[in-house]
Amino acid sequence: MTRKRFSEEDILNILRQVEMDLAGGQTVESAIRKAGISDATYYKWRKMYGGVGKAKLHEFKEMERERAIEAHCRRP
């Protein structure tokens, strides 16, 4: 099976869809299967992005960019 790469926005959308399925009464296994991801991927994403909205995601990306620029400027 080929490996897929998901953007952060895609991940948030998938997590949101799984949460909606869970609220609708589905089991975790069926909601994850419907999303097309593994249970390990779901739990890893939930740990990393759980509770993060799109606005927070953009803040995190901006902070990462600033840190990368600072680290690059500090190099001798």
C-alpha atoms as a PDB file:
ATOM      1  CA  MET A   1       0.000   0.000   0.000  1.00  0.00           C
ATOM      2  CA  THR A   2       1.360   3.416  -0.926  1.00  0.00           C
ATOM      3  CA  ARG A   3       1.935   5.976   1.717  1.00  0.00           C
ATOM      4  CA  LYS A   4      -0.167   9.132   1.641  1.00  0.00           C
ATOM      5  CA  ARG A   5       0.884  12.543   2.828  1.00  0.00           C
ATOM      6  CA  PHE A   6      -1.793  14.733   4.319  1.00  0.00           C
ATOM      7  CA  SER A   7      -1.608  18.478   4.879  1.00  0.00           C
ATOM      8  CA  GLU A   8      -2.423  19.848   8.303  1.00  0.00           C
ATOM      9  CA  GLU A   9      -5.749  21.108   6.991  1.00  0.00           C
ATOM     10  CA  ASP A  10      -6.573  17.643   5.655  1.00  0.00           C
ATOM     11  CA  ILE A  11      -5.685  16.117   9.012  1.00  0.00           C
ATOM     12  CA  LEU A  12      -7.938  18.560  10.858  1.00  0.00           C
ATOM     13  CA  ASN A  13     -10.787  17.819   8.461  1.00  0.00           C
ATOM     14  CA  ILE A  14     -10.365  14.057   8.906  1.00  0.00           C
ATOM     15  CA  LEU A  15     -10.233  14.387  12.695  1.00  0.00           C
ATOM     16  CA  ARG A  16     -13.337  16.571  12.630  1.00  0.00           C
ATOM     17  CA  GLN A  17     -15.161  14.023  10.473  1.00  0.00           C
ATOM     18  CA  VAL A  18     -14.190  11.168  12.799  1.00  0.00           C
ATOM     19  CA  GLU A  19     -15.405  13.154  15.797  1.00  0.00           C
ATOM     20  CA  MET A  20     -18.714  13.837  14.051  1.00  0.00           C
ATOM     21  CA  ASP A  21     -19.083  10.129  13.264  1.00  0.00           C
ATOM     22  CA  LEU A  22     -18.351   9.280  16.896  1.00  0.00           C
ATOM     23  CA  ALA A  23     -20.946  11.788  18.058  1.00  0.00           C
ATOM     24  CA  GLY A  24     -23.389  10.136  15.653  1.00  0.00           C
ATOM     25  CA  GLY A  25     -22.989   6.830  17.453  1.00  0.00           C
ATOM     26  CA  GLN A  26     -20.384   5.020  15.382  1.00  0.00           C
ATOM     27  CA  THR A  27     -17.560   3.096  16.995  1.00  0.00           C
ATOM     28  CA  VAL A  28     -14.001   4.386  16.812  1.00  0.00           C
ATOM     29  CA  GLU A  29     -12.999   1.495  14.556  1.00  0.00           C
ATOM     30  CA  SER A  30     -15.780   2.105  12.037  1.00  0.00           C
ATOM     31  CA  ALA A  31     -15.252   5.885  12.000  1.00  0.00           C
ATOM     32  CA  ILE A  32     -11.511   5.456  11.404  1.00  0.00           C
ATOM     33  CA  ARG A  33     -12.099   2.845   8.709  1.00  0.00           C
ATOM     34  CA  LYS A  34     -14.563   5.194   6.993  1.00  0.00           C
ATOM     35  CA  ALA A  35     -11.893   7.942   7.047  1.00  0.00           C
ATOM     36  CA  GLY A  36      -9.388   5.571   5.431  1.00  0.00           C
ATOM     37  CA  ILE A  37      -6.647   5.812   8.059  1.00  0.00           C
ATOM     38  CA  SER A  38      -5.170   3.359  10.537  1.00  0.00           C
ATOM     39  CA  ASP A  39      -5.901   3.439  14.234  1.00  0.00           C
ATOM     40  CA  ALA A  40      -2.251   4.277  14.982  1.00  0.00           C
ATOM     41  CA  THR A  41      -2.442   7.252  12.615  1.00  0.00           C
ATOM     42  CA  TYR A  42      -5.689   8.435  14.178  1.00  0.00           C
ATOM     43  CA  TYR A  43      -4.324   8.347  17.723  1.00  0.00           C
ATOM     44  CA  LYS A  44      -1.061  10.012  16.685  1.00  0.00           C
ATOM     45  CA  TRP A  45      -2.926  12.785  14.878  1.00  0.00           C
ATOM     46  CA  ARG A  46      -5.345  13.200  17.759  1.00  0.00           C
ATOM     47  CA  LYS A  47      -2.419  13.575  20.151  1.00  0.00           C
ATOM     48  CA  MET A  48      -0.701  16.128  17.907  1.00  0.00           C
ATOM     49  CA  TYR A  49      -3.681  18.103  16.602  1.00  0.00           C
ATOM     50  CA  GLY A  50      -6.475  17.388  19.064  1.00  0.00           C
ATOM     51  CA  GLY A  51      -8.317  20.566  19.969  1.00  0.00           C
ATOM     52  CA  VAL A  52      -6.456  22.636  17.394  1.00  0.00           C
ATOM     53  CA  GLY A  53      -8.546  24.770  15.090  1.00  0.00           C
ATOM     54  CA  LYS A  54      -7.448  26.262  11.794  1.00  0.00           C
ATOM     55  CA  ALA A  55      -6.545  29.587  13.412  1.00  0.00           C
ATOM     56  CA  LYS A  56      -4.270  27.892  15.955  1.00  0.00           C
ATOM     57  CA  LEU A  57      -2.743  25.772  13.210  1.00  0.00           C
ATOM     58  CA  HIS A  58      -1.742  28.902  11.289  1.00  0.00           C
ATOM     59  CA  GLU A  59      -0.244  30.348  14.490  1.00  0.00           C
ATOM     60  CA  PHE A  60       1.819  27.197  15.027  1.00  0.00           C
ATOM     61  CA  LYS A  61       3.060  27.262  11.428  1.00  0.00           C
ATOM     62  CA  GLU A  62       4.095  30.898  11.764  1.00  0.00           C
ATOM     63  CA  MET A  63       5.953  30.172  15.013  1.00  0.00           C
ATOM     64  CA  GLU A  64       7.780  27.268  13.348  1.00  0.00           C
ATOM     65  CA  ARG A  65       8.828  29.521  10.465  1.00  0.00           C
ATOM     66  CA  GLU A  66      10.117  32.167  12.882  1.00  0.00           C
ATOM     67  CA  ARG A  67      12.104  29.575  14.823  1.00  0.00           C
ATOM     68  CA  ALA A  68      13.616  28.201  11.633  1.00  0.00           C
ATOM     69  CA  ILE A  69      14.661  31.700  10.537  1.00  0.00           C
ATOM     70  CA  GLU A  70      16.159  32.441  13.955  1.00  0.00           C
ATOM     71  CA  ALA A  71      18.051  29.152  13.981  1.00  0.00           C
ATOM     72  CA  HIS A  72      19.361  29.832  10.477  1.00  0.00           C
ATOM     73  CA  CYS A  73      20.525  33.337  11.460  1.00  0.00           C
ATOM     74  CA  ARG A  74      22.353  32.052  14.564  1.00  0.00           C
ATOM     75  CA  ARG A  75      24.530  29.668  12.589  1.00  0.00           C
ATOM     76  CA  PRO A  76      28.172  30.794  12.484  1.00  0.00           C
END
